Amino acid sequence: MTELEIKNAKPKEKDYFLSDIKGLRLLVHHLGYKYWQYRYTHQKRRKLINLGSYPHVSLLQARKKALEYQELILNH
């Protein structure tokens, strides 16, 4: 995923996702909002952490946050 792809992501009739690395994804809401989410599995259960909205949280910041959460999960 690149900043250009994110900027060019337009709302559609239904919400959709742009996937990045290791569970990081961008939710493109049908109203035009864009939210960062980190999905992971812990103890055989799917979990979701919201990391903030784009452009308030940039691609690099979202990647950094996702990696930090990944380390926390692996160490517990």
C-alpha atoms as a PDB file:
ATOM      1  CA  MET A   1       0.000   0.000   0.000  1.00  0.00           C
ATOM      2  CA  THR A   2       1.215   3.522  -0.744  1.00  0.00           C
ATOM      3  CA  GLU A   3       0.121   7.009   0.277  1.00  0.00           C
ATOM      4  CA  LEU A   4      -1.053   7.585  -3.300  1.00  0.00           C
ATOM      5  CA  GLU A   5      -3.300   4.502  -3.205  1.00  0.00           C
ATOM      6  CA  ILE A   6      -4.774   5.709   0.070  1.00  0.00           C
ATOM      7  CA  LYS A   7      -5.420   9.217  -1.224  1.00  0.00           C
ATOM      8  CA  ASN A   8      -7.017   7.820  -4.384  1.00  0.00           C
ATOM      9  CA  ALA A   9      -9.278   5.388  -2.498  1.00  0.00           C
ATOM     10  CA  LYS A  10     -12.791   6.687  -3.087  1.00  0.00           C
ATOM     11  CA  PRO A  11     -15.954   5.695  -1.232  1.00  0.00           C
ATOM     12  CA  LYS A  12     -18.126   3.035  -2.826  1.00  0.00           C
ATOM     13  CA  GLU A  13     -21.653   1.861  -2.176  1.00  0.00           C
ATOM     14  CA  LYS A  14     -20.337  -0.470   0.537  1.00  0.00           C
ATOM     15  CA  ASP A  15     -17.398  -0.191   2.944  1.00  0.00           C
ATOM     16  CA  TYR A  16     -14.203  -1.909   1.777  1.00  0.00           C
ATOM     17  CA  PHE A  17     -10.640  -2.517   2.938  1.00  0.00           C
ATOM     18  CA  LEU A  18      -7.164  -1.877   1.570  1.00  0.00           C
ATOM     19  CA  SER A  19      -4.759  -4.409   3.089  1.00  0.00           C
ATOM     20  CA  ASP A  20      -1.193  -3.684   4.085  1.00  0.00           C
ATOM     21  CA  ILE A  21       1.256  -5.826   6.060  1.00  0.00           C
ATOM     22  CA  LYS A  22       0.619  -8.352   8.826  1.00  0.00           C
ATOM     23  CA  GLY A  23      -2.993  -7.532   9.655  1.00  0.00           C
ATOM     24  CA  LEU A  24      -2.892  -3.780   9.059  1.00  0.00           C
ATOM     25  CA  ARG A  25      -5.720  -2.537   6.883  1.00  0.00           C
ATOM     26  CA  LEU A  26      -7.497   0.668   5.960  1.00  0.00           C
ATOM     27  CA  LEU A  27     -11.279   0.720   6.136  1.00  0.00           C
ATOM     28  CA  VAL A  28     -12.736   3.003   3.470  1.00  0.00           C
ATOM     29  CA  HIS A  29     -16.199   3.870   4.731  1.00  0.00           C
ATOM     30  CA  HIS A  30     -19.019   4.452   2.259  1.00  0.00           C
ATOM     31  CA  LEU A  31     -19.330   8.021   3.610  1.00  0.00           C
ATOM     32  CA  GLY A  32     -15.680   8.718   2.720  1.00  0.00           C
ATOM     33  CA  TYR A  33     -14.009   8.278   6.109  1.00  0.00           C
ATOM     34  CA  LYS A  34     -10.816   6.225   6.302  1.00  0.00           C
ATOM     35  CA  TYR A  35      -9.832   4.306   9.435  1.00  0.00           C
ATOM     36  CA  TRP A  36      -6.767   2.229  10.279  1.00  0.00           C
ATOM     37  CA  GLN A  37      -7.389  -1.174  11.832  1.00  0.00           C
ATOM     38  CA  TYR A  38      -5.081  -3.917  13.048  1.00  0.00           C
ATOM     39  CA  ARG A  39      -6.487  -7.463  13.001  1.00  0.00           C
ATOM     40  CA  TYR A  40      -4.820 -10.328  14.807  1.00  0.00           C
ATOM     41  CA  THR A  41      -5.536 -13.714  16.341  1.00  0.00           C
ATOM     42  CA  HIS A  42      -4.909 -14.363  20.028  1.00  0.00           C
ATOM     43  CA  GLN A  43      -5.857 -17.580  21.815  1.00  0.00           C
ATOM     44  CA  LYS A  44      -7.710 -18.727  18.686  1.00  0.00           C
ATOM     45  CA  ARG A  45      -9.923 -15.610  18.706  1.00  0.00           C
ATOM     46  CA  ARG A  46      -9.986 -12.863  16.088  1.00  0.00           C
ATOM     47  CA  LYS A  47      -9.344  -9.395  17.558  1.00  0.00           C
ATOM     48  CA  LEU A  48      -9.475  -5.897  16.096  1.00  0.00           C
ATOM     49  CA  ILE A  49      -7.737  -2.715  17.244  1.00  0.00           C
ATOM     50  CA  ASN A  50      -8.596   0.684  15.797  1.00  0.00           C
ATOM     51  CA  LEU A  51      -5.460   2.760  15.241  1.00  0.00           C
ATOM     52  CA  GLY A  52      -6.981   6.093  14.207  1.00  0.00           C
ATOM     53  CA  SER A  53      -8.236   7.850  11.132  1.00  0.00           C
ATOM     54  CA  TYR A  54      -6.411   8.826   7.968  1.00  0.00           C
ATOM     55  CA  PRO A  55      -4.883  11.392   7.390  1.00  0.00           C
ATOM     56  CA  HIS A  56      -4.547  12.112  11.143  1.00  0.00           C
ATOM     57  CA  VAL A  57      -2.568   8.856  11.372  1.00  0.00           C
ATOM     58  CA  SER A  58      -0.274   8.393   8.367  1.00  0.00           C
ATOM     59  CA  LEU A  59       0.623   5.098   6.709  1.00  0.00           C
ATOM     60  CA  LEU A  60       4.030   5.044   8.426  1.00  0.00           C
ATOM     61  CA  GLN A  61       2.506   5.800  11.836  1.00  0.00           C
ATOM     62  CA  ALA A  62      -0.110   3.068  11.371  1.00  0.00           C
ATOM     63  CA  ARG A  63       2.581   0.555  10.408  1.00  0.00           C
ATOM     64  CA  LYS A  64       4.609   1.502  13.473  1.00  0.00           C
ATOM     65  CA  LYS A  65       1.586   1.133  15.769  1.00  0.00           C
ATOM     66  CA  ALA A  66       0.690  -2.236  14.248  1.00  0.00           C
ATOM     67  CA  LEU A  67       4.233  -3.533  14.793  1.00  0.00           C
ATOM     68  CA  GLU A  68       4.179  -2.283  18.399  1.00  0.00           C
ATOM     69  CA  TYR A  69       0.921  -4.136  19.045  1.00  0.00           C
ATOM     70  CA  GLN A  70       2.323  -7.234  17.364  1.00  0.00           C
ATOM     71  CA  GLU A  71       5.331  -7.203  19.719  1.00  0.00           C
ATOM     72  CA  LEU A  72       3.082  -6.745  22.757  1.00  0.00           C
ATOM     73  CA  ILE A  73       0.906  -9.672  21.712  1.00  0.00           C
ATOM     74  CA  LEU A  74       3.868 -11.940  21.049  1.00  0.00           C
ATOM     75  CA  ASN A  75       5.427 -11.123  24.430  1.00  0.00           C
ATOM     76  CA  HIS A  76       2.294 -11.985  26.425  1.00  0.00           C
END
